[in-house]
Amino acid sequence: MDSWEWNKIIGAVLGTLIVVLVVKFSADAIFENQAPAKPGYIVQGVPEEKTASAPQAAPAEEPLPDFGTVLPAADVAAGKDISTRCEQCHDLSKGGPNKIGPNLWGVVGRARATHPGFDYSSAMAASHDPWTYDTLFRFLKSPQGMVTGTKMSFAGLSSEQDRLNLLAYLRTQSDSPLPIPPPKK
């Protein structure tokens, strides 16, 4: 091929590119792309995105329930059903193996990031405070929100009742369950 043929090929490619760009810019100018009034599908546990124009207020911290009153009334069977979500990454049996996450037998009352044989993220290992009812209640709502940088990718349980039922079930998964605190007066 001589240079004239190459010039025609390059000219055709550039011409096509220019036509595509002109059509795109024209279409953008003629048609408005409006966001839908209501999302087509809502993913549970994923916070809603804020628009740039709306001021972002700090999320209000959810008040903690009176565990002395609500835990005895919680549905342990429903908590066991909810725990199937946990069992994708955690084992709940006594002496069971670590999976993607550590074994959760005896997690209620156990010091954080101390299960033997599991490599915790530095964010999780930064504190060895025990997993109390209130810390687990907050963590189960938003793991990333409570421990920024945790490897746990679970979005959380938004339902307060689901978290209480799961706590009641996890409490039973121990040789010596953490006592339920007395009701507040």
N, C-alpha and C. Protein backbone atom coordinates (compact mmCIF):
# COMPACT_ATOMS: atom_id res chain seq x y z
N MET A 1 0.84 -1.17 0.00
CA MET A 1 0.00 0.00 0.00
C MET A 1 0.88 1.23 0.00
N ASP A 2 0.42 2.19 -0.73
CA ASP A 2 1.19 3.44 -0.74
C ASP A 2 0.61 4.39 0.31
N SER A 3 1.23 5.54 0.47
CA SER A 3 0.83 6.48 1.52
C SER A 3 -0.58 7.03 1.29
N TRP A 4 -1.02 7.08 0.01
CA TRP A 4 -2.36 7.57 -0.29
C TRP A 4 -3.42 6.65 0.34
N GLU A 5 -3.22 5.34 0.30
CA GLU A 5 -4.15 4.37 0.88
C GLU A 5 -4.20 4.54 2.40
N TRP A 6 -3.03 4.70 3.01
CA TRP A 6 -2.97 4.89 4.46
C TRP A 6 -3.69 6.19 4.86
N ASN A 7 -3.52 7.22 4.10
CA ASN A 7 -4.20 8.49 4.39
C ASN A 7 -5.71 8.32 4.33
N LYS A 8 -6.21 7.54 3.37
CA LYS A 8 -7.65 7.32 3.27
C LYS A 8 -8.17 6.54 4.48
N ILE A 9 -7.42 5.54 4.93
CA ILE A 9 -7.84 4.74 6.09
C ILE A 9 -7.87 5.60 7.35
N ILE A 10 -6.82 6.35 7.59
CA ILE A 10 -6.76 7.22 8.78
C ILE A 10 -7.85 8.28 8.71
N GLY A 11 -8.08 8.84 7.53
CA GLY A 11 -9.15 9.84 7.36
C GLY A 11 -10.52 9.25 7.64
N ALA A 12 -10.76 8.00 7.22
CA ALA A 12 -12.04 7.35 7.47
C ALA A 12 -12.25 7.12 8.96
N VAL A 13 -11.21 6.68 9.66
CA VAL A 13 -11.31 6.46 11.11
C VAL A 13 -11.57 7.77 11.83
N LEU A 14 -10.83 8.82 11.51
CA LEU A 14 -11.03 10.12 12.15
C LEU A 14 -12.40 10.69 11.82
N GLY A 15 -12.84 10.55 10.58
CA GLY A 15 -14.16 11.03 10.19
C GLY A 15 -15.26 10.33 10.97
N THR A 16 -15.14 9.02 11.13
CA THR A 16 -16.12 8.26 11.90
C THR A 16 -16.15 8.72 13.35
N LEU A 17 -14.98 8.94 13.93
CA LEU A 17 -14.88 9.42 15.31
C LEU A 17 -15.57 10.77 15.47
N ILE A 18 -15.36 11.66 14.53
CA ILE A 18 -15.97 12.99 14.59
C ILE A 18 -17.48 12.88 14.47
N VAL A 19 -17.99 12.03 13.59
CA VAL A 19 -19.43 11.85 13.44
C VAL A 19 -20.04 11.31 14.73
N VAL A 20 -19.39 10.32 15.36
CA VAL A 20 -19.89 9.74 16.61
C VAL A 20 -19.94 10.80 17.70
N LEU A 21 -18.89 11.61 17.83
CA LEU A 21 -18.86 12.65 18.85
C LEU A 21 -19.94 13.71 18.62
N VAL A 22 -20.14 14.11 17.36
CA VAL A 22 -21.16 15.11 17.05
C VAL A 22 -22.55 14.56 17.39
N VAL A 23 -22.81 13.29 17.06
CA VAL A 23 -24.10 12.68 17.38
C VAL A 23 -24.29 12.62 18.89
N LYS A 24 -23.26 12.25 19.63
CA LYS A 24 -23.35 12.17 21.09
C LYS A 24 -23.65 13.53 21.69
N PHE A 25 -22.90 14.57 21.32
CA PHE A 25 -23.12 15.90 21.86
C PHE A 25 -24.50 16.43 21.48
N SER A 26 -24.94 16.14 20.29
CA SER A 26 -26.27 16.58 19.86
C SER A 26 -27.35 15.88 20.69
N ALA A 27 -27.20 14.59 20.89
CA ALA A 27 -28.18 13.84 21.67
C ALA A 27 -28.22 14.34 23.11
N ASP A 28 -27.06 14.63 23.70
CA ASP A 28 -27.01 15.16 25.06
C ASP A 28 -27.69 16.52 25.15
N ALA A 29 -27.57 17.33 24.12
CA ALA A 29 -28.18 18.66 24.12
C ALA A 29 -29.69 18.58 23.91
N ILE A 30 -30.16 17.61 23.16
CA ILE A 30 -31.58 17.50 22.85
C ILE A 30 -32.35 16.79 23.96
N PHE A 31 -31.80 15.69 24.46
CA PHE A 31 -32.50 14.87 25.44
C PHE A 31 -31.91 15.06 26.82
N GLU A 32 -32.80 15.27 27.82
CA GLU A 32 -32.36 15.39 29.21
C GLU A 32 -32.36 14.02 29.85
N ASN A 33 -31.33 13.75 30.61
CA ASN A 33 -31.25 12.49 31.34
C ASN A 33 -31.66 12.78 32.78
N GLN A 34 -32.88 12.41 33.15
CA GLN A 34 -33.37 12.68 34.49
C GLN A 34 -33.26 11.42 35.35
N ALA A 35 -32.88 11.63 36.60
CA ALA A 35 -32.82 10.51 37.54
C ALA A 35 -34.24 10.07 37.85
N PRO A 36 -34.45 8.77 38.05
CA PRO A 36 -35.80 8.31 38.37
C PRO A 36 -36.25 8.84 39.73
N ALA A 37 -37.54 9.06 39.87
CA ALA A 37 -38.09 9.56 41.14
C ALA A 37 -37.93 8.52 42.24
N LYS A 38 -38.01 7.27 41.88
CA LYS A 38 -37.91 6.18 42.84
C LYS A 38 -36.98 5.13 42.26
N PRO A 39 -36.02 4.62 43.04
CA PRO A 39 -35.11 3.61 42.49
C PRO A 39 -35.86 2.34 42.10
N GLY A 40 -35.38 1.68 41.09
CA GLY A 40 -36.03 0.46 40.61
C GLY A 40 -35.85 -0.70 41.56
N TYR A 41 -34.74 -0.74 42.29
CA TYR A 41 -34.47 -1.85 43.19
C TYR A 41 -33.67 -1.32 44.37
N ILE A 42 -34.08 -1.62 45.57
CA ILE A 42 -33.40 -1.17 46.77
C ILE A 42 -32.64 -2.35 47.37
N VAL A 43 -31.35 -2.18 47.56
CA VAL A 43 -30.52 -3.22 48.14
C VAL A 43 -30.52 -3.03 49.65
N GLN A 44 -30.92 -4.07 50.38
CA GLN A 44 -31.00 -3.98 51.84
C GLN A 44 -29.61 -3.78 52.42
N GLY A 45 -29.49 -2.86 53.36
CA GLY A 45 -28.23 -2.65 54.07
C GLY A 45 -27.30 -1.66 53.41
N VAL A 46 -27.60 -1.23 52.20
CA VAL A 46 -26.74 -0.27 51.52
C VAL A 46 -27.34 1.12 51.74
N PRO A 47 -26.57 2.03 52.35
CA PRO A 47 -27.13 3.35 52.61
C PRO A 47 -27.42 4.10 51.31
N GLU A 48 -28.47 4.91 51.35
CA GLU A 48 -28.88 5.67 50.18
C GLU A 48 -27.84 6.76 49.89
N GLU A 49 -27.50 6.95 48.61
CA GLU A 49 -26.53 7.97 48.23
C GLU A 49 -27.16 9.34 48.36
N LYS A 50 -26.35 10.28 48.85
CA LYS A 50 -26.81 11.66 48.98
C LYS A 50 -26.39 12.43 47.73
N THR A 51 -27.21 13.39 47.34
CA THR A 51 -26.84 14.23 46.21
C THR A 51 -25.85 15.27 46.68
N ALA A 52 -25.09 15.82 45.75
CA ALA A 52 -24.06 16.79 46.09
C ALA A 52 -24.67 18.07 46.64
N SER A 53 -25.88 18.43 46.22
CA SER A 53 -26.49 19.67 46.67
C SER A 53 -27.12 19.55 48.05
N ALA A 54 -27.46 18.35 48.47
CA ALA A 54 -28.09 18.17 49.77
C ALA A 54 -27.02 18.16 50.86
N PRO A 55 -27.25 18.91 51.94
CA PRO A 55 -26.26 18.90 53.02
C PRO A 55 -26.27 17.55 53.71
N GLN A 56 -25.08 17.05 54.01
CA GLN A 56 -24.97 15.74 54.63
C GLN A 56 -24.87 15.91 56.13
N ALA A 57 -25.91 15.51 56.82
CA ALA A 57 -25.91 15.56 58.27
C ALA A 57 -25.27 14.29 58.80
N ALA A 58 -24.68 14.38 59.96
CA ALA A 58 -24.09 13.20 60.58
C ALA A 58 -25.22 12.24 60.93
N PRO A 59 -25.02 10.94 60.69
CA PRO A 59 -26.09 10.00 60.99
C PRO A 59 -26.37 9.99 62.50
N ALA A 60 -27.64 10.01 62.83
CA ALA A 60 -28.03 9.99 64.23
C ALA A 60 -27.75 8.60 64.79
N GLU A 61 -27.13 8.56 65.96
CA GLU A 61 -26.83 7.27 66.56
C GLU A 61 -28.11 6.69 67.15
N GLU A 62 -28.33 5.45 66.84
CA GLU A 62 -29.54 4.77 67.31
C GLU A 62 -29.43 4.54 68.81
N PRO A 63 -30.48 4.86 69.56
CA PRO A 63 -30.43 4.60 71.00
C PRO A 63 -30.40 3.09 71.26
N LEU A 64 -29.64 2.71 72.26
CA LEU A 64 -29.53 1.29 72.59
C LEU A 64 -30.78 0.84 73.35
N PRO A 65 -31.26 -0.35 73.05
CA PRO A 65 -32.44 -0.85 73.78
C PRO A 65 -32.04 -1.27 75.19
N ASP A 66 -33.01 -1.48 76.02
CA ASP A 66 -32.80 -2.02 77.36
C ASP A 66 -32.66 -3.53 77.20
N PHE A 67 -31.41 -4.00 77.16
CA PHE A 67 -31.17 -5.42 76.89
C PHE A 67 -31.77 -6.33 77.95
N GLY A 68 -31.90 -5.84 79.18
CA GLY A 68 -32.52 -6.63 80.24
C GLY A 68 -33.98 -6.91 79.98
N THR A 69 -34.61 -6.05 79.20
CA THR A 69 -36.03 -6.23 78.87
C THR A 69 -36.23 -6.93 77.53
N VAL A 70 -35.46 -6.53 76.53
CA VAL A 70 -35.72 -7.02 75.16
C VAL A 70 -35.07 -8.37 74.86
N LEU A 71 -33.92 -8.69 75.46
CA LEU A 71 -33.28 -9.97 75.15
C LEU A 71 -34.08 -11.18 75.64
N PRO A 72 -34.67 -11.15 76.85
CA PRO A 72 -35.48 -12.31 77.25
C PRO A 72 -36.69 -12.51 76.34
N ALA A 73 -37.17 -11.42 75.72
CA ALA A 73 -38.35 -11.53 74.84
C ALA A 73 -37.97 -11.82 73.39
N ALA A 74 -36.68 -11.80 73.07
CA ALA A 74 -36.24 -12.01 71.69
C ALA A 74 -36.51 -13.45 71.25
N ASP A 75 -36.70 -13.63 69.96
CA ASP A 75 -37.02 -14.93 69.36
C ASP A 75 -35.71 -15.63 68.94
N VAL A 76 -35.28 -16.59 69.74
CA VAL A 76 -34.03 -17.30 69.47
C VAL A 76 -34.12 -18.08 68.16
N ALA A 77 -35.28 -18.66 67.86
CA ALA A 77 -35.45 -19.42 66.61
C ALA A 77 -35.31 -18.50 65.40
N ALA A 78 -35.87 -17.30 65.49
CA ALA A 78 -35.71 -16.34 64.39
C ALA A 78 -34.24 -15.92 64.28
N GLY A 79 -33.56 -15.81 65.42
CA GLY A 79 -32.14 -15.49 65.42
C GLY A 79 -31.31 -16.56 64.74
N LYS A 80 -31.71 -17.82 64.95
CA LYS A 80 -31.01 -18.93 64.28
C LYS A 80 -31.20 -18.83 62.77
N ASP A 81 -32.41 -18.47 62.33
CA ASP A 81 -32.65 -18.29 60.88
C ASP A 81 -31.79 -17.16 60.33
N ILE A 82 -31.69 -16.08 61.06
CA ILE A 82 -30.88 -14.93 60.61
C ILE A 82 -29.40 -15.32 60.57
N SER A 83 -28.99 -16.20 61.46
CA SER A 83 -27.58 -16.59 61.53
C SER A 83 -27.10 -17.30 60.27
N THR A 84 -28.02 -17.78 59.44
CA THR A 84 -27.59 -18.43 58.20
C THR A 84 -26.84 -17.45 57.30
N ARG A 85 -27.16 -16.15 57.43
CA ARG A 85 -26.40 -15.13 56.69
C ARG A 85 -24.97 -15.08 57.19
N CYS A 86 -24.79 -15.24 58.50
CA CYS A 86 -23.46 -15.20 59.10
C CYS A 86 -22.64 -16.43 58.69
N GLU A 87 -23.36 -17.56 58.56
CA GLU A 87 -22.68 -18.83 58.31
C GLU A 87 -22.09 -18.93 56.91
N GLN A 88 -22.33 -17.93 56.08
CA GLN A 88 -21.67 -17.90 54.77
C GLN A 88 -20.17 -17.70 54.97
N CYS A 89 -19.82 -16.93 56.02
CA CYS A 89 -18.41 -16.60 56.27
C CYS A 89 -17.89 -17.08 57.62
N HIS A 90 -18.79 -17.42 58.54
CA HIS A 90 -18.40 -17.82 59.89
C HIS A 90 -18.97 -19.20 60.21
N ASP A 91 -18.25 -19.93 61.04
CA ASP A 91 -18.76 -21.19 61.57
C ASP A 91 -19.26 -20.90 62.98
N LEU A 92 -20.38 -21.49 63.37
CA LEU A 92 -20.96 -21.23 64.69
C LEU A 92 -20.84 -22.42 65.63
N SER A 93 -20.26 -23.51 65.18
CA SER A 93 -20.21 -24.71 66.02
C SER A 93 -19.02 -24.65 66.98
N LYS A 94 -19.16 -25.34 68.10
CA LYS A 94 -18.10 -25.39 69.09
C LYS A 94 -16.89 -26.11 68.50
N GLY A 95 -15.75 -25.45 68.53
CA GLY A 95 -14.52 -26.03 68.00
C GLY A 95 -14.47 -26.07 66.48
N GLY A 96 -15.42 -25.41 65.82
CA GLY A 96 -15.47 -25.40 64.36
C GLY A 96 -14.33 -24.59 63.77
N PRO A 97 -14.13 -24.73 62.48
CA PRO A 97 -13.01 -24.06 61.84
C PRO A 97 -13.29 -22.57 61.59
N ASN A 98 -12.22 -21.84 61.40
CA ASN A 98 -12.35 -20.47 60.90
C ASN A 98 -12.61 -20.57 59.41
N LYS A 99 -13.45 -19.71 58.92
CA LYS A 99 -13.71 -19.66 57.48
C LYS A 99 -13.15 -18.34 56.98
N ILE A 100 -13.88 -17.62 56.15
CA ILE A 100 -13.47 -16.28 55.74
C ILE A 100 -13.40 -15.39 56.98
N GLY A 101 -14.32 -15.62 57.92
CA GLY A 101 -14.35 -14.93 59.20
C GLY A 101 -14.06 -15.92 60.31
N PRO A 102 -13.80 -15.42 61.53
CA PRO A 102 -13.49 -16.32 62.64
C PRO A 102 -14.70 -17.11 63.11
N ASN A 103 -14.45 -18.19 63.82
CA ASN A 103 -15.51 -18.99 64.42
C ASN A 103 -16.22 -18.12 65.46
N LEU A 104 -17.57 -18.19 65.51
CA LEU A 104 -18.34 -17.33 66.39
C LEU A 104 -18.86 -18.02 67.64
N TRP A 105 -18.42 -19.26 67.91
CA TRP A 105 -18.85 -19.92 69.14
C TRP A 105 -18.31 -19.10 70.32
N GLY A 106 -19.18 -18.69 71.21
CA GLY A 106 -18.77 -17.94 72.39
C GLY A 106 -18.37 -16.51 72.11
N VAL A 107 -18.85 -15.93 71.01
CA VAL A 107 -18.44 -14.57 70.65
C VAL A 107 -19.01 -13.53 71.61
N VAL A 108 -20.20 -13.74 72.15
CA VAL A 108 -20.80 -12.78 73.07
C VAL A 108 -20.02 -12.83 74.39
N GLY A 109 -19.35 -11.74 74.70
CA GLY A 109 -18.52 -11.66 75.90
C GLY A 109 -17.04 -11.90 75.65
N ARG A 110 -16.69 -12.43 74.48
CA ARG A 110 -15.29 -12.70 74.15
C ARG A 110 -14.59 -11.41 73.79
N ALA A 111 -13.31 -11.32 74.10
CA ALA A 111 -12.53 -10.14 73.72
C ALA A 111 -12.44 -10.07 72.20
N ARG A 112 -12.55 -8.88 71.67
CA ARG A 112 -12.55 -8.67 70.22
C ARG A 112 -11.20 -9.06 69.63
N ALA A 113 -11.24 -9.66 68.46
CA ALA A 113 -10.05 -10.02 67.67
C ALA A 113 -9.10 -10.94 68.42
N THR A 114 -9.65 -11.91 69.16
CA THR A 114 -8.79 -12.81 69.93
C THR A 114 -9.01 -14.29 69.61
N HIS A 115 -9.86 -14.61 68.65
CA HIS A 115 -10.08 -16.03 68.35
C HIS A 115 -8.79 -16.60 67.76
N PRO A 116 -8.28 -17.70 68.33
CA PRO A 116 -7.00 -18.23 67.86
C PRO A 116 -7.07 -18.72 66.42
N GLY A 117 -5.98 -18.47 65.70
CA GLY A 117 -5.85 -18.98 64.34
C GLY A 117 -6.48 -18.14 63.26
N PHE A 118 -7.02 -16.97 63.61
CA PHE A 118 -7.61 -16.12 62.59
C PHE A 118 -6.80 -14.84 62.47
N ASP A 119 -6.54 -14.42 61.24
CA ASP A 119 -5.76 -13.21 60.95
C ASP A 119 -6.72 -12.03 60.82
N TYR A 120 -6.87 -11.26 61.89
CA TYR A 120 -7.77 -10.11 61.92
C TYR A 120 -7.15 -8.92 61.21
N SER A 121 -8.01 -8.04 60.69
CA SER A 121 -7.52 -6.80 60.09
C SER A 121 -6.94 -5.93 61.20
N SER A 122 -6.06 -5.03 60.84
CA SER A 122 -5.45 -4.15 61.85
C SER A 122 -6.50 -3.28 62.51
N ALA A 123 -7.55 -2.91 61.77
CA ALA A 123 -8.63 -2.09 62.36
C ALA A 123 -9.36 -2.87 63.44
N MET A 124 -9.62 -4.15 63.21
CA MET A 124 -10.32 -4.96 64.20
C MET A 124 -9.41 -5.28 65.38
N ALA A 125 -8.15 -5.54 65.10
CA ALA A 125 -7.20 -5.91 66.15
C ALA A 125 -6.77 -4.72 66.99
N ALA A 126 -7.17 -3.51 66.61
CA ALA A 126 -6.76 -2.32 67.35
C ALA A 126 -7.37 -2.27 68.75
N SER A 127 -8.44 -3.01 68.98
CA SER A 127 -9.09 -3.02 70.29
C SER A 127 -9.42 -4.44 70.69
N HIS A 128 -9.20 -4.74 71.94
CA HIS A 128 -9.56 -6.07 72.45
C HIS A 128 -10.67 -5.95 73.49
N ASP A 129 -11.46 -4.88 73.38
CA ASP A 129 -12.62 -4.74 74.26
C ASP A 129 -13.55 -5.92 74.01
N PRO A 130 -14.27 -6.36 75.03
CA PRO A 130 -15.16 -7.52 74.83
C PRO A 130 -16.36 -7.18 73.95
N TRP A 131 -16.86 -8.20 73.30
CA TRP A 131 -18.09 -8.07 72.51
C TRP A 131 -19.27 -8.11 73.47
N THR A 132 -19.67 -6.95 73.93
CA THR A 132 -20.83 -6.85 74.81
C THR A 132 -22.09 -6.79 73.95
N TYR A 133 -23.23 -6.79 74.62
CA TYR A 133 -24.49 -6.71 73.87
C TYR A 133 -24.55 -5.40 73.08
N ASP A 134 -24.13 -4.28 73.71
CA ASP A 134 -24.23 -3.01 72.97
C ASP A 134 -23.23 -2.93 71.82
N THR A 135 -21.99 -3.43 72.00
CA THR A 135 -21.04 -3.35 70.88
C THR A 135 -21.47 -4.26 69.73
N LEU A 136 -21.94 -5.46 70.06
CA LEU A 136 -22.41 -6.34 68.99
C LEU A 136 -23.66 -5.77 68.30
N PHE A 137 -24.55 -5.15 69.07
CA PHE A 137 -25.76 -4.56 68.51
C PHE A 137 -25.39 -3.48 67.50
N ARG A 138 -24.43 -2.62 67.85
CA ARG A 138 -23.98 -1.57 66.93
C ARG A 138 -23.23 -2.16 65.73
N PHE A 139 -22.35 -3.14 66.00
CA PHE A 139 -21.56 -3.74 64.94
C PHE A 139 -22.43 -4.45 63.92
N LEU A 140 -23.45 -5.16 64.38
CA LEU A 140 -24.33 -5.88 63.46
C LEU A 140 -25.14 -4.94 62.59
N LYS A 141 -25.35 -3.71 63.03
CA LYS A 141 -26.07 -2.75 62.20
C LYS A 141 -25.19 -2.28 61.05
N SER A 142 -23.92 -1.99 61.35
CA SER A 142 -23.02 -1.48 60.32
C SER A 142 -21.57 -1.82 60.68
N PRO A 143 -21.09 -2.99 60.27
CA PRO A 143 -19.71 -3.36 60.61
C PRO A 143 -18.67 -2.34 60.16
N GLN A 144 -18.80 -1.84 58.93
CA GLN A 144 -17.84 -0.85 58.42
C GLN A 144 -17.98 0.49 59.16
N GLY A 145 -19.19 0.81 59.59
CA GLY A 145 -19.41 2.07 60.30
C GLY A 145 -18.82 2.05 61.69
N MET A 146 -18.82 0.89 62.34
CA MET A 146 -18.29 0.81 63.70
C MET A 146 -16.78 0.58 63.71
N VAL A 147 -16.30 -0.28 62.83
CA VAL A 147 -14.86 -0.58 62.75
C VAL A 147 -14.41 -0.27 61.33
N THR A 148 -14.09 1.00 61.10
CA THR A 148 -13.66 1.42 59.78
C THR A 148 -12.37 0.70 59.41
N GLY A 149 -12.40 0.01 58.28
CA GLY A 149 -11.23 -0.73 57.82
C GLY A 149 -11.30 -2.22 58.11
N THR A 150 -12.42 -2.69 58.67
CA THR A 150 -12.55 -4.12 58.90
C THR A 150 -12.64 -4.86 57.57
N LYS A 151 -12.19 -6.12 57.57
CA LYS A 151 -12.27 -6.92 56.35
C LYS A 151 -13.68 -7.43 56.11
N MET A 152 -14.54 -7.32 57.12
CA MET A 152 -15.90 -7.84 57.01
C MET A 152 -16.69 -6.98 56.03
N SER A 153 -17.16 -7.59 54.96
CA SER A 153 -17.85 -6.84 53.91
C SER A 153 -19.36 -6.88 54.05
N PHE A 154 -19.87 -7.48 55.10
CA PHE A 154 -21.32 -7.58 55.32
C PHE A 154 -21.90 -6.18 55.51
N ALA A 155 -23.01 -5.89 54.84
CA ALA A 155 -23.60 -4.56 54.90
C ALA A 155 -24.25 -4.27 56.24
N GLY A 156 -24.69 -5.28 56.96
CA GLY A 156 -25.30 -5.07 58.26
C GLY A 156 -26.78 -5.43 58.26
N LEU A 157 -27.35 -5.44 59.45
CA LEU A 157 -28.77 -5.71 59.64
C LEU A 157 -29.43 -4.42 60.10
N SER A 158 -30.29 -3.86 59.27
CA SER A 158 -30.91 -2.59 59.63
C SER A 158 -32.04 -2.77 60.65
N SER A 159 -32.67 -3.92 60.68
CA SER A 159 -33.79 -4.16 61.58
C SER A 159 -33.30 -4.38 63.01
N GLU A 160 -33.80 -3.57 63.92
CA GLU A 160 -33.44 -3.71 65.33
C GLU A 160 -33.86 -5.07 65.86
N GLN A 161 -35.04 -5.54 65.49
CA GLN A 161 -35.53 -6.82 65.98
C GLN A 161 -34.68 -7.98 65.46
N ASP A 162 -34.23 -7.91 64.20
CA ASP A 162 -33.35 -8.95 63.67
C ASP A 162 -32.05 -9.02 64.47
N ARG A 163 -31.50 -7.85 64.79
CA ARG A 163 -30.25 -7.82 65.57
C ARG A 163 -30.47 -8.38 66.97
N LEU A 164 -31.60 -8.05 67.59
CA LEU A 164 -31.89 -8.57 68.93
C LEU A 164 -32.08 -10.09 68.89
N ASN A 165 -32.79 -10.59 67.90
CA ASN A 165 -32.99 -12.04 67.76
C ASN A 165 -31.66 -12.74 67.54
N LEU A 166 -30.80 -12.15 66.69
CA LEU A 166 -29.49 -12.74 66.43
C LEU A 166 -28.63 -12.72 67.70
N LEU A 167 -28.66 -11.64 68.46
CA LEU A 167 -27.91 -11.58 69.71
C LEU A 167 -28.39 -12.66 70.68
N ALA A 168 -29.71 -12.84 70.77
CA ALA A 168 -30.26 -13.86 71.66
C ALA A 168 -29.77 -15.25 71.24
N TYR A 169 -29.71 -15.50 69.93
CA TYR A 169 -29.23 -16.79 69.44
C TYR A 169 -27.73 -16.94 69.68
N LEU A 170 -26.95 -15.92 69.35
CA LEU A 170 -25.49 -16.00 69.55
C LEU A 170 -25.15 -16.21 71.02
N ARG A 171 -25.96 -15.64 71.90
CA ARG A 171 -25.75 -15.81 73.34
C ARG A 171 -25.85 -17.29 73.72
N THR A 172 -26.74 -18.03 73.06
CA THR A 172 -26.90 -19.46 73.39
C THR A 172 -25.74 -20.29 72.85
N GLN A 173 -24.97 -19.75 71.94
CA GLN A 173 -23.85 -20.47 71.33
C GLN A 173 -22.59 -20.28 72.16
N SER A 174 -22.62 -20.77 73.39
CA SER A 174 -21.51 -20.61 74.32
C SER A 174 -21.62 -21.64 75.42
N ASP A 175 -20.47 -22.02 75.98
CA ASP A 175 -20.49 -22.93 77.13
C ASP A 175 -21.00 -22.21 78.37
N SER A 176 -20.67 -20.94 78.51
CA SER A 176 -21.15 -20.15 79.65
C SER A 176 -21.66 -18.81 79.10
N PRO A 177 -22.95 -18.76 78.73
CA PRO A 177 -23.50 -17.54 78.13
C PRO A 177 -23.34 -16.32 79.03
N LEU A 178 -23.08 -15.19 78.41
CA LEU A 178 -22.98 -13.92 79.12
C LEU A 178 -24.33 -13.62 79.75
N PRO A 179 -24.37 -13.29 81.05
CA PRO A 179 -25.66 -13.02 81.68
C PRO A 179 -26.35 -11.82 81.04
N ILE A 180 -27.66 -11.89 81.01
CA ILE A 180 -28.45 -10.77 80.51
C ILE A 180 -28.48 -9.71 81.62
N PRO A 181 -28.17 -8.46 81.28
CA PRO A 181 -28.17 -7.43 82.31
C PRO A 181 -29.56 -7.23 82.90
N PRO A 182 -29.63 -6.76 84.14
CA PRO A 182 -30.95 -6.51 84.73
C PRO A 182 -31.66 -5.38 83.99
N PRO A 183 -32.99 -5.42 83.95
CA PRO A 183 -33.73 -4.35 83.25
C PRO A 183 -33.47 -2.98 83.90
N LYS A 184 -33.43 -1.96 83.08
CA LYS A 184 -33.30 -0.60 83.59
C LYS A 184 -34.63 -0.18 84.16
N LYS A 185 -34.59 0.68 85.11
CA LYS A 185 -35.85 1.12 85.72
C LYS A 185 -36.28 2.44 85.22
